[in-house]
Amino acid sequence: MEGGGKAGYSYGGHHHHQDAKLLKNLSRVEPRRFGLGLVAGFLLVTCAYFSTAKFDAIHIAMISSPVKNAAGFVNASSDGSNQQQLDLDRDALSREGSKAQVLDRDDDEKISSLGPDLGHNASVLEGKKKEETFSRDSGDASVSASTAGRGKEDEVLAKDDDAIVGAVLPPLSSEEPTNSTQDSVLEDEELRVQETAPVATNPSPEKSSNNGSSLSVVPSDPATLPVQQIPPTPEAKDPPAQQIPAVPEAKAPPVQQIPAFPEVKTVAPRKEWKPLCDLWSNRRIDWCELDGDVRVAGANGTVSLVAPPGPADERTFRAESWHIKPYPRKADPNAMRHVRVLTVQSLPAPAASAAAPACTDRHDVPGLVFSDRGYTGNYFHAYTDVILPLFLTAKQYSGEVKLLVSDFQMWWLGKFLPVFKSISNYDLINLDDDRRVHCFRHVQVGLTCHADFSIDPSRAPNGYTMVDFTRFMRATYGLPRDAPFPASGEQRRRPRLMVIARARTRRFVNTDEIVRGAERAGFEVVVSEGEHEVAPFAELANTCDAMLGVHGAGLTNMVFLPTGGVVIQVVPLGGLEFVAGYFRGPSRDMGLRYLEYRITPEESTLIDQYPRDHPIFTDPDGVKSKGWNSLKEAYLDKQDVRLDMKRFRPILKKAIAHLRKNISSNNTTLN
């Protein structure tokens, strides 16, 4: 037992001996020196720690410096990878605590060994663990809750990072862009990124490049690489303007490229077709009106409307053919017997090319086609059948109209040439001998007529009246008097009466007695039979204030009387009151005072030819029932008038009283 106990004592004694020796040695150290040593060691360790941590921060910031392009954009892939690496480092620091120095050195060695594959390796690391993003928009380091333990050290790290980035990558341009330039660059870059960003299974804009490949890393030591040697990344290169396609949603087209309501664009519809000619509405004349491509071939006697190009149907164009005599006596076979027939037709497109005559003369003014045959040899019919309808139809054009005359009679046209010159600024066209083809945009075949020697203002262009017509006639022949009062400088104060002395039929057989009776009533009297030339008789008529005549064409000269004058129509025997209407209504429409005197059988020369009980006296209706020729022969061709001045005197007094009253009122107005 002693041996066992000795051995145990011996071992314990040896250990105790060593401890005692150590204590003896320590006791020899002065406490003051021992404390100073501890403090120095602690300071040494602390300096070593902070020195190592700051070097690691600088080294990491240089590797993770974001590369900015010319527009100022940070490369998303490299920046995202470096940020993730920083997050991983900081996460490790927070978990390991006291092992921060070792981890920083290990991270430094790992990042340096990654080389150009840093972006790819960073992506792999993020796949293992993805934490919060390291944001640098405001230049401050923001770390997630897991890295909050770093505190002040992380803040220093972020500030140093920003400073080094500015030193490594200065701006590529020395000029500061304006706000508008910056906005445009930003917009262009946004468009480029949107159009070129790849589609990945796990999209991550922070770690994917624009072309889908990994990015190279800028070396960590900026001193070894001049700025101008840094190759621009594909994202940092500004593409040419033409390579940046516009986004339709963000860019409005130019104003001129925006059509106004294209879907409601309308085309003027063609007029609905109406017959070319009207044979029913006017009892006096058939007339036609053509608008479009109208071609008048006088030698062929055709007036053709050619269909416009393009499709047409029965609603807009029809083939028609009419035979027209353009003279306003269609119900009178005798009047129409020598009037030329004209063919008025419309030619559809298929037949137009072969049937339509080619134009030789084109006119920019309307054309009027009419005939001067019929009864135009009669002075009254010349006015009521041609001159008045011509005024009614063409005056509205103020001279800009072409007159195309069928059945051309030079003697007659020459007689009224001043009228045609007043109506049209152009020469007359003789359709009968003209071999040309005249083309117009508007043509009327046949003149507009309302009634014999009359105008209906409600249907007339511009509301023309018979007063307008008389003014036109006076202006045509240059007549000065428009009212029945003495002209300036005249010494005459007695109204003037014109007595129309017919040469063959319906003559006044007691003209001298009529003159004396009119003078006793207060008139100054002139007697005229009339002449072939219109102008001299028109001038004489205009000097008069009143006109007296037996029913006949001579009374047509009332158109030259001044407005307010007097017309006295003597109606022969034979129930001719109806023919008196040719002047009764028109004279009133002209603004004249109309007076009518119907003779007795004793004032007719028929009393010298037939017995008092002859049917000519007793049954005038029976004579008329046999037709116009019978009436004309019995009452118009064989009858003259012998006025009973005692019976006729009251008519003269009415006329003079009207004129004196009219003259007095006009003088008062002038004074």
Foldseek 3Di string as FASTA:
>chain_A
DVVVVVVVVVVVVVVVVVVVVVVVVVVVDDPVVVVVVVVVVVVVVVVVQVVLLVVLLLLLLLQQQFDAFLLGDTQQASNQLSQLLVLVLLLVCLVVPVCNSVSSVVSSVVSVVCAFCSLVVSVVVVVVPPDDGFDCPPQFTDHDPSNCVVPPVRRVSSNSSVVVSCVLAPRPDPDDDDPVVSVVVVVLLVLVQVVQQDDDPDDDSNNAGSPRDHGGTDDSDSVVPDNVRPDDDPSNDDDDPVVRDDDPVVDDDDPVVDDDPVVPDDDDDADFDDDQWDDPPDPFFIKGKDFAWWKQFLQVLEIEAEDDDDDDDNGRDDWDKDWGQQWRHVVDCQQRVPGDIHIYIYDYDVCCVPPPDDADAEAAAEEEEHECGGVCVFLQCVCQTPLVLLCQAQVVVQQRYAYEYENDDPLSCVLVVLSVVRRHVDDHHDSNPDRGMYIYRMYMYHTDHDDGLFDDLVPTVVSDGLLNVLVSVCVSLVADAQFQADDPPDPDGFAAEEEAAADAWQGAPPVVVVCVLLVVLGHHYDYDNDDSHDNVVLNVQCSGQEYEYEDGSVQVSCSSHHAQGEYEYEYEQQPCPVVVVSCPVNCVRNNYHYHYHYDDPVFKCVVVVDPCPDCSNVPSVVQCVVDDVSNCVSIIRPIYGHDDSVVCSVVSNVNRVSSVVRNVVVVVVVD
